[in-house]
Amino acid sequence: MTTAREIMHPGVRCVDEDASLVEAARMMRDLDVGSLPICGRDDRLRGIITDRDIVIRAVAEGLDLATTRAGEFGCHVHWVDAEDPVEHVLETMGEHQIRRLPVIENHRLVGMVSEADLARHLPEDKLAAFVERVYA
């Protein structure tokens, strides 16, 4: 049985919930990623912010990117446990039509599963079914 831990990208960096959107955007640029988990001072996952969130929900609405905090974008977040089977990962991502999924162990963020991780580890038929479900 393949687990989330076996396919995830470890060493994920969080943006602090009190960081500004400018800081979050710079962090995304520097890490060459399109999203970041939002973590609190206790290192616990609070949500996820995407580059699209910054553009659509902040820039387009005229928010001040220097004073708006990343934590304001931390809505409900789906996640899986590091030992969950890959089938559960696929089910969660497909059901909620999400492309990135945090992986938690002992209440701490330990990694992230992305579409690229799935492409590297799944057989073609499972990957095709996932893509069809997420992009439907």
C-alpha atoms as a PDB file:
ATOM      1  CA  MET A   1       0.000   0.000   0.000  1.00  0.00           C
ATOM      2  CA  THR A   2       1.389   3.375  -1.024  1.00  0.00           C
ATOM      3  CA  THR A   3       0.906   6.163   1.528  1.00  0.00           C
ATOM      4  CA  ALA A   4       0.725   9.939   1.350  1.00  0.00           C
ATOM      5  CA  ARG A   5       4.209  10.087   2.892  1.00  0.00           C
ATOM      6  CA  GLU A   6       5.647   8.086   0.001  1.00  0.00           C
ATOM      7  CA  ILE A   7       4.352  10.434  -2.706  1.00  0.00           C
ATOM      8  CA  MET A   8       4.401  13.817  -0.936  1.00  0.00           C
ATOM      9  CA  HIS A   9       6.920  16.568  -1.349  1.00  0.00           C
ATOM     10  CA  PRO A  10       8.570  16.935   2.092  1.00  0.00           C
ATOM     11  CA  GLY A  11      10.032  20.100   3.525  1.00  0.00           C
ATOM     12  CA  VAL A  12       7.137  22.373   2.705  1.00  0.00           C
ATOM     13  CA  ARG A  13       7.557  25.967   3.838  1.00  0.00           C
ATOM     14  CA  CYS A  14       4.703  27.836   5.516  1.00  0.00           C
ATOM     15  CA  VAL A  15       3.873  31.479   5.357  1.00  0.00           C
ATOM     16  CA  ASP A  16       3.115  32.902   8.798  1.00  0.00           C
ATOM     17  CA  GLU A  17      -0.522  33.844   9.324  1.00  0.00           C
ATOM     18  CA  ASP A  18       0.612  37.376  10.254  1.00  0.00           C
ATOM     19  CA  ALA A  19       2.733  37.845   7.111  1.00  0.00           C
ATOM     20  CA  SER A  20       1.497  40.406   4.598  1.00  0.00           C
ATOM     21  CA  LEU A  21       0.311  39.392   1.152  1.00  0.00           C
ATOM     22  CA  VAL A  22       3.425  41.091  -0.232  1.00  0.00           C
ATOM     23  CA  GLU A  23       5.561  38.766   1.887  1.00  0.00           C
ATOM     24  CA  ALA A  24       3.490  35.753   0.807  1.00  0.00           C
ATOM     25  CA  ALA A  25       3.834  36.687  -2.876  1.00  0.00           C
ATOM     26  CA  ARG A  26       7.592  37.159  -2.549  1.00  0.00           C
ATOM     27  CA  MET A  27       7.885  33.825  -0.796  1.00  0.00           C
ATOM     28  CA  MET A  28       5.945  32.143  -3.621  1.00  0.00           C
ATOM     29  CA  ARG A  29       8.233  33.804  -6.167  1.00  0.00           C
ATOM     30  CA  ASP A  30      11.411  32.817  -4.330  1.00  0.00           C
ATOM     31  CA  LEU A  31      10.263  29.211  -3.840  1.00  0.00           C
ATOM     32  CA  ASP A  32       8.791  29.031  -7.358  1.00  0.00           C
ATOM     33  CA  VAL A  33       5.415  27.769  -6.083  1.00  0.00           C
ATOM     34  CA  GLY A  34       1.825  28.799  -6.702  1.00  0.00           C
ATOM     35  CA  SER A  35       0.562  28.233  -3.187  1.00  0.00           C
ATOM     36  CA  LEU A  36       1.718  28.208   0.401  1.00  0.00           C
ATOM     37  CA  PRO A  37       0.330  26.636   3.529  1.00  0.00           C
ATOM     38  CA  ILE A  38      -0.556  29.221   6.171  1.00  0.00           C
ATOM     39  CA  CYS A  39       0.719  28.311   9.642  1.00  0.00           C
ATOM     40  CA  GLY A  40       0.219  29.879  13.046  1.00  0.00           C
ATOM     41  CA  ARG A  41       2.827  30.624  15.671  1.00  0.00           C
ATOM     42  CA  ASP A  42       2.249  27.098  16.991  1.00  0.00           C
ATOM     43  CA  ASP A  43       3.324  25.662  13.597  1.00  0.00           C
ATOM     44  CA  ARG A  44      -0.177  24.328  12.994  1.00  0.00           C
ATOM     45  CA  LEU A  45      -1.837  24.516   9.609  1.00  0.00           C
ATOM     46  CA  ARG A  46      -4.387  27.346   9.301  1.00  0.00           C
ATOM     47  CA  GLY A  47      -5.123  27.248   5.582  1.00  0.00           C
ATOM     48  CA  ILE A  48      -3.618  27.643   2.145  1.00  0.00           C
ATOM     49  CA  ILE A  49      -3.097  30.772   0.091  1.00  0.00           C
ATOM     50  CA  THR A  50      -2.622  30.685  -3.662  1.00  0.00           C
ATOM     51  CA  ASP A  51      -1.283  33.157  -6.177  1.00  0.00           C
ATOM     52  CA  ARG A  52      -4.829  33.250  -7.550  1.00  0.00           C
ATOM     53  CA  ASP A  53      -6.165  34.258  -4.102  1.00  0.00           C
ATOM     54  CA  ILE A  54      -3.776  37.188  -4.047  1.00  0.00           C
ATOM     55  CA  VAL A  55      -4.782  38.352  -7.519  1.00  0.00           C
ATOM     56  CA  ILE A  56      -8.535  37.686  -7.465  1.00  0.00           C
ATOM     57  CA  ARG A  57      -9.377  38.270  -3.821  1.00  0.00           C
ATOM     58  CA  ALA A  58      -6.865  40.998  -2.973  1.00  0.00           C
ATOM     59  CA  VAL A  59      -5.525  42.905  -5.986  1.00  0.00           C
ATOM     60  CA  ALA A  60      -8.839  42.912  -7.887  1.00  0.00           C
ATOM     61  CA  GLU A  61     -10.681  44.052  -4.747  1.00  0.00           C
ATOM     62  CA  GLY A  62      -8.204  46.858  -4.127  1.00  0.00           C
ATOM     63  CA  LEU A  63      -6.903  45.540  -0.804  1.00  0.00           C
ATOM     64  CA  ASP A  64      -3.642  46.938   0.540  1.00  0.00           C
ATOM     65  CA  LEU A  65      -1.203  44.074  -0.007  1.00  0.00           C
ATOM     66  CA  ALA A  66       1.218  45.466   2.568  1.00  0.00           C
ATOM     67  CA  THR A  67      -1.322  45.414   5.394  1.00  0.00           C
ATOM     68  CA  THR A  68      -3.605  42.500   4.454  1.00  0.00           C
ATOM     69  CA  ARG A  69      -2.473  39.368   6.297  1.00  0.00           C
ATOM     70  CA  ALA A  70      -2.126  35.905   4.811  1.00  0.00           C
ATOM     71  CA  GLY A  71      -4.169  34.539   7.709  1.00  0.00           C
ATOM     72  CA  GLU A  72      -7.211  36.370   6.382  1.00  0.00           C
ATOM     73  CA  PHE A  73      -7.201  33.895   3.498  1.00  0.00           C
ATOM     74  CA  GLY A  74      -6.990  30.780   5.642  1.00  0.00           C
ATOM     75  CA  CYS A  75     -10.418  29.306   5.042  1.00  0.00           C
ATOM     76  CA  HIS A  76     -11.314  25.656   5.527  1.00  0.00           C
ATOM     77  CA  VAL A  77      -8.454  23.427   4.436  1.00  0.00           C
ATOM     78  CA  HIS A  78      -8.535  19.749   3.515  1.00  0.00           C
ATOM     79  CA  TRP A  79      -5.620  17.551   4.484  1.00  0.00           C
ATOM     80  CA  VAL A  80      -4.558  13.918   4.865  1.00  0.00           C
ATOM     81  CA  ASP A  81      -2.505  12.054   7.405  1.00  0.00           C
ATOM     82  CA  ALA A  82       0.990  10.943   6.355  1.00  0.00           C
ATOM     83  CA  GLU A  83      -0.011   7.289   6.706  1.00  0.00           C
ATOM     84  CA  ASP A  84      -3.252   7.569   4.703  1.00  0.00           C
ATOM     85  CA  PRO A  85      -3.297   5.404   1.584  1.00  0.00           C
ATOM     86  CA  VAL A  86      -2.876   7.104  -1.787  1.00  0.00           C
ATOM     87  CA  GLU A  87      -6.467   6.134  -2.600  1.00  0.00           C
ATOM     88  CA  HIS A  88      -7.628   8.429   0.219  1.00  0.00           C
ATOM     89  CA  VAL A  89      -5.394  11.211  -1.137  1.00  0.00           C
ATOM     90  CA  LEU A  90      -6.988  10.829  -4.579  1.00  0.00           C
ATOM     91  CA  GLU A  91     -10.488  10.671  -3.115  1.00  0.00           C
ATOM     92  CA  THR A  92      -9.955  13.842  -1.049  1.00  0.00           C
ATOM     93  CA  MET A  93      -8.408  15.812  -3.901  1.00  0.00           C
ATOM     94  CA  GLY A  94     -11.030  14.627  -6.377  1.00  0.00           C
ATOM     95  CA  GLU A  95     -14.038  15.169  -4.111  1.00  0.00           C
ATOM     96  CA  HIS A  96     -13.006  18.744  -3.307  1.00  0.00           C
ATOM     97  CA  GLN A  97     -11.461  19.446  -6.737  1.00  0.00           C
ATOM     98  CA  ILE A  98      -8.167  20.580  -5.248  1.00  0.00           C
ATOM     99  CA  ARG A  99      -4.725  20.347  -6.794  1.00  0.00           C
ATOM    100  CA  ARG A 100      -2.568  20.570  -3.667  1.00  0.00           C
ATOM    101  CA  LEU A 101      -3.124  18.704  -0.424  1.00  0.00           C
ATOM    102  CA  PRO A 102      -1.262  19.204   2.869  1.00  0.00           C
ATOM    103  CA  VAL A 103       0.043  16.118   4.656  1.00  0.00           C
ATOM    104  CA  ILE A 104      -0.092  16.130   8.460  1.00  0.00           C
ATOM    105  CA  GLU A 105       1.655  13.993  11.058  1.00  0.00           C
ATOM    106  CA  ASN A 106       1.128  14.454  14.804  1.00  0.00           C
ATOM    107  CA  HIS A 107      -0.793  17.694  14.130  1.00  0.00           C
ATOM    108  CA  ARG A 108       2.158  19.176  12.197  1.00  0.00           C
ATOM    109  CA  LEU A 109       2.582  19.853   8.491  1.00  0.00           C
ATOM    110  CA  VAL A 110       5.168  17.446   7.041  1.00  0.00           C
ATOM    111  CA  GLY A 111       4.571  17.721   3.312  1.00  0.00           C
ATOM    112  CA  MET A 112       2.327  18.497   0.394  1.00  0.00           C
ATOM    113  CA  VAL A 113       0.917  16.324  -2.377  1.00  0.00           C
ATOM    114  CA  SER A 114       0.585  18.105  -5.712  1.00  0.00           C
ATOM    115  CA  GLU A 115      -0.512  17.080  -9.187  1.00  0.00           C
ATOM    116  CA  ALA A 116       3.157  16.693 -10.121  1.00  0.00           C
ATOM    117  CA  ASP A 117       3.655  14.230  -7.240  1.00  0.00           C
ATOM    118  CA  LEU A 118       0.680  12.219  -8.454  1.00  0.00           C
ATOM    119  CA  ALA A 119       2.017  12.231 -12.028  1.00  0.00           C
ATOM    120  CA  ARG A 120       5.346  10.834 -10.802  1.00  0.00           C
ATOM    121  CA  HIS A 121       3.844   8.049  -8.699  1.00  0.00           C
ATOM    122  CA  LEU A 122       0.539   6.935 -10.201  1.00  0.00           C
ATOM    123  CA  PRO A 123      -0.141   4.571 -13.071  1.00  0.00           C
ATOM    124  CA  GLU A 124      -1.630   6.305 -16.123  1.00  0.00           C
ATOM    125  CA  ASP A 125      -5.180   5.025 -15.596  1.00  0.00           C
ATOM    126  CA  LYS A 126      -5.387   6.342 -12.017  1.00  0.00           C
ATOM    127  CA  LEU A 127      -3.836   9.652 -13.028  1.00  0.00           C
ATOM    128  CA  ALA A 128      -6.305  10.026 -15.917  1.00  0.00           C
ATOM    129  CA  ALA A 129      -9.252   9.339 -13.586  1.00  0.00           C
ATOM    130  CA  PHE A 130      -7.940  11.926 -11.123  1.00  0.00           C
ATOM    131  CA  VAL A 131      -7.475  14.595 -13.805  1.00  0.00           C
ATOM    132  CA  GLU A 132     -10.955  13.964 -15.179  1.00  0.00           C
ATOM    133  CA  ARG A 133     -12.501  14.332 -11.735  1.00  0.00           C
ATOM    134  CA  VAL A 134     -10.586  17.443 -10.637  1.00  0.00           C
ATOM    135  CA  TYR A 135     -10.976  19.315 -13.907  1.00  0.00           C
ATOM    136  CA  ALA A 136     -14.596  18.306 -14.584  1.00  0.00           C
END
